[in-house]
Amino acid sequence: MSGPSKGISKAEVGLKWDPSPLGEPDHDLDLIAATFRAADPTGKPAYLVHFDSRSPDGTITLNRDSRTGQGFGYDEVMVFELDRLAPEYGRVVIGVTIQQRAGRKTFGDVPGTLVRFAEGYDELARDDFSAVAGCTAATVGEFVRVEAGDWSLRFGLRGYEDADPRVYASLIGRDTA
């Protein structure tokens, strides 16, 4: 028996990667979320969440921020309380960037990469970045508000070959996933 879909209410995006070898510069990957108004879903983001920050209304929070990839489980975790997000917002785009402090690094240079979308214990999607191995940043998915105000996930990687975190922040969400 199946009932009507309620959409996604609270989701978590986890990012993990292996630390760099001893003596090498650290691999530093970052989750970034951009929230867009329903009236302008591909325009300028209303706000960005990244690097130990949270959304102005507290509905999107970066709970864990790693600069090395060391530790157990997911190195970075962002929580999305979509059911609390104001009706004026219709799209939240999630991306991953690699800090380029020690020279150009791509996803192919960082072993053990994985991004995972989950709602509670249910895994919604996951990917290892192999499809964008030559890129320095990638959009990994987006939450979109659909009929009756419910949220759904559009998962898919779109890579950017030469976008450091600052450049990627200016590009995020300008195209559709």
C-alpha atoms as a PDB file:
ATOM      1  CA  MET A   1       0.000   0.000   0.000  1.00  0.00           C
ATOM      2  CA  SER A   2       1.351   3.417  -0.839  1.00  0.00           C
ATOM      3  CA  GLY A   3       0.256   6.850   0.240  1.00  0.00           C
ATOM      4  CA  PRO A   4       0.800  10.305  -1.141  1.00  0.00           C
ATOM      5  CA  SER A   5       4.387  11.464  -1.208  1.00  0.00           C
ATOM      6  CA  LYS A   6       5.290  14.065   1.351  1.00  0.00           C
ATOM      7  CA  GLY A   7       8.550  14.977  -0.315  1.00  0.00           C
ATOM      8  CA  ILE A   8      11.834  15.502   1.488  1.00  0.00           C
ATOM      9  CA  SER A   9      11.524  17.368   4.766  1.00  0.00           C
ATOM     10  CA  LYS A  10      14.989  17.121   6.332  1.00  0.00           C
ATOM     11  CA  ALA A  11      18.058  15.966   4.444  1.00  0.00           C
ATOM     12  CA  GLU A  12      21.752  15.600   5.084  1.00  0.00           C
ATOM     13  CA  VAL A  13      24.592  15.870   2.598  1.00  0.00           C
ATOM     14  CA  GLY A  14      27.844  14.211   3.633  1.00  0.00           C
ATOM     15  CA  LEU A  15      31.221  14.609   1.951  1.00  0.00           C
ATOM     16  CA  LYS A  16      34.293  12.508   2.615  1.00  0.00           C
ATOM     17  CA  TRP A  17      37.762  12.020   1.215  1.00  0.00           C
ATOM     18  CA  ASP A  18      41.075  10.478   2.225  1.00  0.00           C
ATOM     19  CA  PRO A  19      43.800  12.646   3.785  1.00  0.00           C
ATOM     20  CA  SER A  20      46.836  13.520   1.706  1.00  0.00           C
ATOM     21  CA  PRO A  21      49.998  11.449   2.153  1.00  0.00           C
ATOM     22  CA  LEU A  22      52.348  12.466   4.968  1.00  0.00           C
ATOM     23  CA  GLY A  23      54.400  15.513   3.974  1.00  0.00           C
ATOM     24  CA  GLU A  24      52.037  16.539   1.163  1.00  0.00           C
ATOM     25  CA  PRO A  25      49.736  19.590   1.301  1.00  0.00           C
ATOM     26  CA  ASP A  26      46.318  18.806   2.778  1.00  0.00           C
ATOM     27  CA  HIS A  27      43.343  18.026   0.581  1.00  0.00           C
ATOM     28  CA  ASP A  28      40.651  20.534   1.595  1.00  0.00           C
ATOM     29  CA  LEU A  29      37.222  20.044   0.043  1.00  0.00           C
ATOM     30  CA  ASP A  30      34.220  22.191   0.914  1.00  0.00           C
ATOM     31  CA  LEU A  31      30.457  21.870   0.681  1.00  0.00           C
ATOM     32  CA  ILE A  32      28.609  24.964  -0.520  1.00  0.00           C
ATOM     33  CA  ALA A  33      24.846  25.495  -0.687  1.00  0.00           C
ATOM     34  CA  ALA A  34      23.119  28.314  -2.541  1.00  0.00           C
ATOM     35  CA  THR A  35      19.480  29.186  -1.866  1.00  0.00           C
ATOM     36  CA  PHE A  36      17.452  30.763  -4.671  1.00  0.00           C
ATOM     37  CA  ARG A  37      14.132  32.567  -4.583  1.00  0.00           C
ATOM     38  CA  ALA A  38      11.258  30.810  -6.362  1.00  0.00           C
ATOM     39  CA  ALA A  39      10.711  33.923  -8.467  1.00  0.00           C
ATOM     40  CA  ASP A  40      14.324  33.844  -9.754  1.00  0.00           C
ATOM     41  CA  PRO A  41      15.572  30.223  -9.557  1.00  0.00           C
ATOM     42  CA  THR A  42      18.663  30.760 -11.752  1.00  0.00           C
ATOM     43  CA  GLY A  43      19.535  34.340 -10.803  1.00  0.00           C
ATOM     44  CA  LYS A  44      21.728  35.489  -7.973  1.00  0.00           C
ATOM     45  CA  PRO A  45      21.511  33.311  -4.845  1.00  0.00           C
ATOM     46  CA  ALA A  46      19.647  34.843  -1.904  1.00  0.00           C
ATOM     47  CA  TYR A  47      22.453  33.507   0.292  1.00  0.00           C
ATOM     48  CA  LEU A  48      25.298  30.975   0.432  1.00  0.00           C
ATOM     49  CA  VAL A  49      26.147  28.561   3.238  1.00  0.00           C
ATOM     50  CA  HIS A  50      29.781  27.430   3.497  1.00  0.00           C
ATOM     51  CA  PHE A  51      32.874  27.227   5.747  1.00  0.00           C
ATOM     52  CA  ASP A  52      31.453  26.871   9.281  1.00  0.00           C
ATOM     53  CA  SER A  53      28.361  28.933   8.534  1.00  0.00           C
ATOM     54  CA  ARG A  54      24.614  28.522   8.509  1.00  0.00           C
ATOM     55  CA  SER A  55      21.680  30.131   6.736  1.00  0.00           C
ATOM     56  CA  PRO A  56      20.210  33.321   8.214  1.00  0.00           C
ATOM     57  CA  ASP A  57      17.064  31.445   9.304  1.00  0.00           C
ATOM     58  CA  GLY A  58      18.955  28.384  10.625  1.00  0.00           C
ATOM     59  CA  THR A  59      17.420  25.940   8.120  1.00  0.00           C
ATOM     60  CA  ILE A  60      20.759  25.041   6.491  1.00  0.00           C
ATOM     61  CA  THR A  61      23.732  24.292   8.712  1.00  0.00           C
ATOM     62  CA  LEU A  62      27.254  23.087   8.028  1.00  0.00           C
ATOM     63  CA  ASN A  63      27.760  20.878  11.079  1.00  0.00           C
ATOM     64  CA  ARG A  64      31.196  19.569  10.306  1.00  0.00           C
ATOM     65  CA  ASP A  65      33.992  21.252   8.348  1.00  0.00           C
ATOM     66  CA  SER A  66      37.251  19.403   7.719  1.00  0.00           C
ATOM     67  CA  ARG A  67      40.385  20.890   6.238  1.00  0.00           C
ATOM     68  CA  THR A  68      42.272  17.606   5.973  1.00  0.00           C
ATOM     69  CA  GLY A  69      39.889  14.690   5.399  1.00  0.00           C
ATOM     70  CA  GLN A  70      41.053  13.068   8.634  1.00  0.00           C
ATOM     71  CA  GLY A  71      38.565  11.323  10.871  1.00  0.00           C
ATOM     72  CA  PHE A  72      35.912   8.652  10.678  1.00  0.00           C
ATOM     73  CA  GLY A  73      32.818   8.803   8.532  1.00  0.00           C
ATOM     74  CA  TYR A  74      31.940  11.941   6.668  1.00  0.00           C
ATOM     75  CA  ASP A  75      34.403  14.838   6.905  1.00  0.00           C
ATOM     76  CA  GLU A  76      31.844  17.540   6.109  1.00  0.00           C
ATOM     77  CA  VAL A  77      28.128  17.352   6.815  1.00  0.00           C
ATOM     78  CA  MET A  78      25.440  19.867   5.873  1.00  0.00           C
ATOM     79  CA  VAL A  79      21.871  19.582   7.188  1.00  0.00           C
ATOM     80  CA  PHE A  80      18.879  20.977   5.264  1.00  0.00           C
ATOM     81  CA  GLU A  81      15.604  21.532   7.134  1.00  0.00           C
ATOM     82  CA  LEU A  82      13.621  22.006   3.949  1.00  0.00           C
ATOM     83  CA  ASP A  83      10.229  21.836   5.652  1.00  0.00           C
ATOM     84  CA  ARG A  84      11.139  25.024   7.555  1.00  0.00           C
ATOM     85  CA  LEU A  85      12.474  26.950   4.553  1.00  0.00           C
ATOM     86  CA  ALA A  86      10.273  29.973   3.765  1.00  0.00           C
ATOM     87  CA  PRO A  87       7.901  29.601   0.771  1.00  0.00           C
ATOM     88  CA  GLU A  88       9.750  32.404  -1.057  1.00  0.00           C
ATOM     89  CA  TYR A  89      12.625  29.968  -1.704  1.00  0.00           C
ATOM     90  CA  GLY A  90      12.241  27.360  -4.421  1.00  0.00           C
ATOM     91  CA  ARG A  91      15.686  25.926  -5.092  1.00  0.00           C
ATOM     92  CA  VAL A  92      18.784  24.979  -3.081  1.00  0.00           C
ATOM     93  CA  VAL A  93      21.870  23.997  -5.093  1.00  0.00           C
ATOM     94  CA  ILE A  94      24.677  22.003  -3.455  1.00  0.00           C
ATOM     95  CA  GLY A  95      28.239  21.995  -4.703  1.00  0.00           C
ATOM     96  CA  VAL A  96      31.712  20.862  -3.720  1.00  0.00           C
ATOM     97  CA  THR A  97      34.931  22.795  -4.266  1.00  0.00           C
ATOM     98  CA  ILE A  98      38.591  21.994  -3.703  1.00  0.00           C
ATOM     99  CA  GLN A  99      40.760  24.646  -2.072  1.00  0.00           C
ATOM    100  CA  GLN A 100      43.628  25.484  -4.420  1.00  0.00           C
ATOM    101  CA  ARG A 101      46.159  26.920  -1.928  1.00  0.00           C
ATOM    102  CA  ALA A 102      48.996  24.510  -2.802  1.00  0.00           C
ATOM    103  CA  GLY A 103      48.529  24.356  -6.564  1.00  0.00           C
ATOM    104  CA  ARG A 104      45.842  22.927  -8.797  1.00  0.00           C
ATOM    105  CA  LYS A 105      44.084  19.833  -7.448  1.00  0.00           C
ATOM    106  CA  THR A 106      41.237  18.003  -9.125  1.00  0.00           C
ATOM    107  CA  PHE A 107      38.822  15.386  -7.818  1.00  0.00           C
ATOM    108  CA  GLY A 108      41.019  12.794  -9.526  1.00  0.00           C
ATOM    109  CA  ASP A 109      43.937  13.928  -7.328  1.00  0.00           C
ATOM    110  CA  VAL A 110      41.990  13.343  -4.104  1.00  0.00           C
ATOM    111  CA  PRO A 111      41.510   9.671  -3.214  1.00  0.00           C
ATOM    112  CA  GLY A 112      38.422   8.287  -1.521  1.00  0.00           C
ATOM    113  CA  THR A 113      35.993  11.059  -2.474  1.00  0.00           C
ATOM    114  CA  LEU A 114      32.300  10.435  -1.866  1.00  0.00           C
ATOM    115  CA  VAL A 115      29.203  12.601  -1.600  1.00  0.00           C
ATOM    116  CA  ARG A 116      26.015  11.190  -0.080  1.00  0.00           C
ATOM    117  CA  PHE A 117      22.480  12.577   0.164  1.00  0.00           C
ATOM    118  CA  ALA A 118      20.278  11.049   2.871  1.00  0.00           C
ATOM    119  CA  GLU A 119      16.975  11.608   4.589  1.00  0.00           C
ATOM    120  CA  GLY A 120      17.146   9.989   8.013  1.00  0.00           C
ATOM    121  CA  TYR A 121      18.485   6.473   7.463  1.00  0.00           C
ATOM    122  CA  ASP A 122      17.427   6.414   3.814  1.00  0.00           C
ATOM    123  CA  GLU A 123      20.166   7.050   1.294  1.00  0.00           C
ATOM    124  CA  LEU A 124      18.813   9.172  -1.552  1.00  0.00           C
ATOM    125  CA  ALA A 125      21.937   9.301  -3.755  1.00  0.00           C
ATOM    126  CA  ARG A 126      25.726   8.957  -3.727  1.00  0.00           C
ATOM    127  CA  ASP A 127      28.640   9.437  -6.105  1.00  0.00           C
ATOM    128  CA  ASP A 128      32.442   9.172  -6.038  1.00  0.00           C
ATOM    129  CA  PHE A 129      33.295  12.114  -8.378  1.00  0.00           C
ATOM    130  CA  SER A 130      34.924   9.822 -10.961  1.00  0.00           C
ATOM    131  CA  ALA A 131      32.727  11.368 -13.672  1.00  0.00           C
ATOM    132  CA  VAL A 132      34.285  14.788 -12.938  1.00  0.00           C
ATOM    133  CA  ALA A 133      37.822  13.622 -12.083  1.00  0.00           C
ATOM    134  CA  GLY A 134      39.486  16.456 -14.048  1.00  0.00           C
ATOM    135  CA  CYS A 135      37.487  19.203 -12.319  1.00  0.00           C
ATOM    136  CA  THR A 136      38.202  21.438  -9.327  1.00  0.00           C
ATOM    137  CA  ALA A 137      34.542  22.049  -8.407  1.00  0.00           C
ATOM    138  CA  ALA A 138      31.203  20.356  -9.061  1.00  0.00           C
ATOM    139  CA  THR A 139      27.520  20.864  -8.539  1.00  0.00           C
ATOM    140  CA  VAL A 140      26.328  17.596  -6.994  1.00  0.00           C
ATOM    141  CA  GLY A 141      22.588  18.136  -6.798  1.00  0.00           C
ATOM    142  CA  GLU A 142      19.761  20.426  -5.909  1.00  0.00           C
ATOM    143  CA  PHE A 143      16.600  20.418  -3.867  1.00  0.00           C
ATOM    144  CA  VAL A 144      13.640  21.934  -5.710  1.00  0.00           C
ATOM    145  CA  ARG A 145      10.209  22.850  -4.426  1.00  0.00           C
ATOM    146  CA  VAL A 146       7.542  21.048  -6.423  1.00  0.00           C
ATOM    147  CA  GLU A 147       3.757  20.874  -6.316  1.00  0.00           C
ATOM    148  CA  ALA A 148       2.067  21.536  -2.987  1.00  0.00           C
ATOM    149  CA  GLY A 149       5.316  22.969  -1.614  1.00  0.00           C
ATOM    150  CA  ASP A 150       7.051  19.595  -1.258  1.00  0.00           C
ATOM    151  CA  TRP A 151      10.785  19.277  -1.918  1.00  0.00           C
ATOM    152  CA  SER A 152      12.458  16.772  -4.224  1.00  0.00           C
ATOM    153  CA  LEU A 153      16.074  15.974  -5.036  1.00  0.00           C
ATOM    154  CA  ARG A 154      17.617  16.348  -8.482  1.00  0.00           C
ATOM    155  CA  PHE A 155      20.898  14.516  -8.208  1.00  0.00           C
ATOM    156  CA  GLY A 156      23.670  14.761 -10.772  1.00  0.00           C
ATOM    157  CA  LEU A 157      27.241  15.940 -11.075  1.00  0.00           C
ATOM    158  CA  ARG A 158      28.245  18.860 -13.265  1.00  0.00           C
ATOM    159  CA  GLY A 159      31.956  19.599 -13.148  1.00  0.00           C
ATOM    160  CA  TYR A 160      33.879  22.863 -13.481  1.00  0.00           C
ATOM    161  CA  GLU A 161      37.467  22.432 -14.684  1.00  0.00           C
ATOM    162  CA  ASP A 162      39.038  25.596 -13.321  1.00  0.00           C
ATOM    163  CA  ALA A 163      36.780  27.031 -10.634  1.00  0.00           C
ATOM    164  CA  ASP A 164      38.340  27.726  -7.268  1.00  0.00           C
ATOM    165  CA  PRO A 165      35.874  28.251  -4.369  1.00  0.00           C
ATOM    166  CA  ARG A 166      35.457  31.975  -5.056  1.00  0.00           C
ATOM    167  CA  VAL A 167      34.811  31.511  -8.780  1.00  0.00           C
ATOM    168  CA  TYR A 168      32.489  28.554  -8.185  1.00  0.00           C
ATOM    169  CA  ALA A 169      30.442  30.584  -5.671  1.00  0.00           C
ATOM    170  CA  SER A 170      29.759  33.084  -8.459  1.00  0.00           C
ATOM    171  CA  LEU A 171      28.679  30.298 -10.858  1.00  0.00           C
ATOM    172  CA  ILE A 172      26.652  28.015  -8.583  1.00  0.00           C
ATOM    173  CA  GLY A 173      23.112  27.488  -9.743  1.00  0.00           C
ATOM    174  CA  ARG A 174      23.397  29.511 -12.932  1.00  0.00           C
ATOM    175  CA  ASP A 175      22.711  26.377 -14.913  1.00  0.00           C
ATOM    176  CA  THR A 176      20.252  23.628 -14.122  1.00  0.00           C
ATOM    177  CA  ALA A 177      21.352  20.205 -12.954  1.00  0.00           C
END
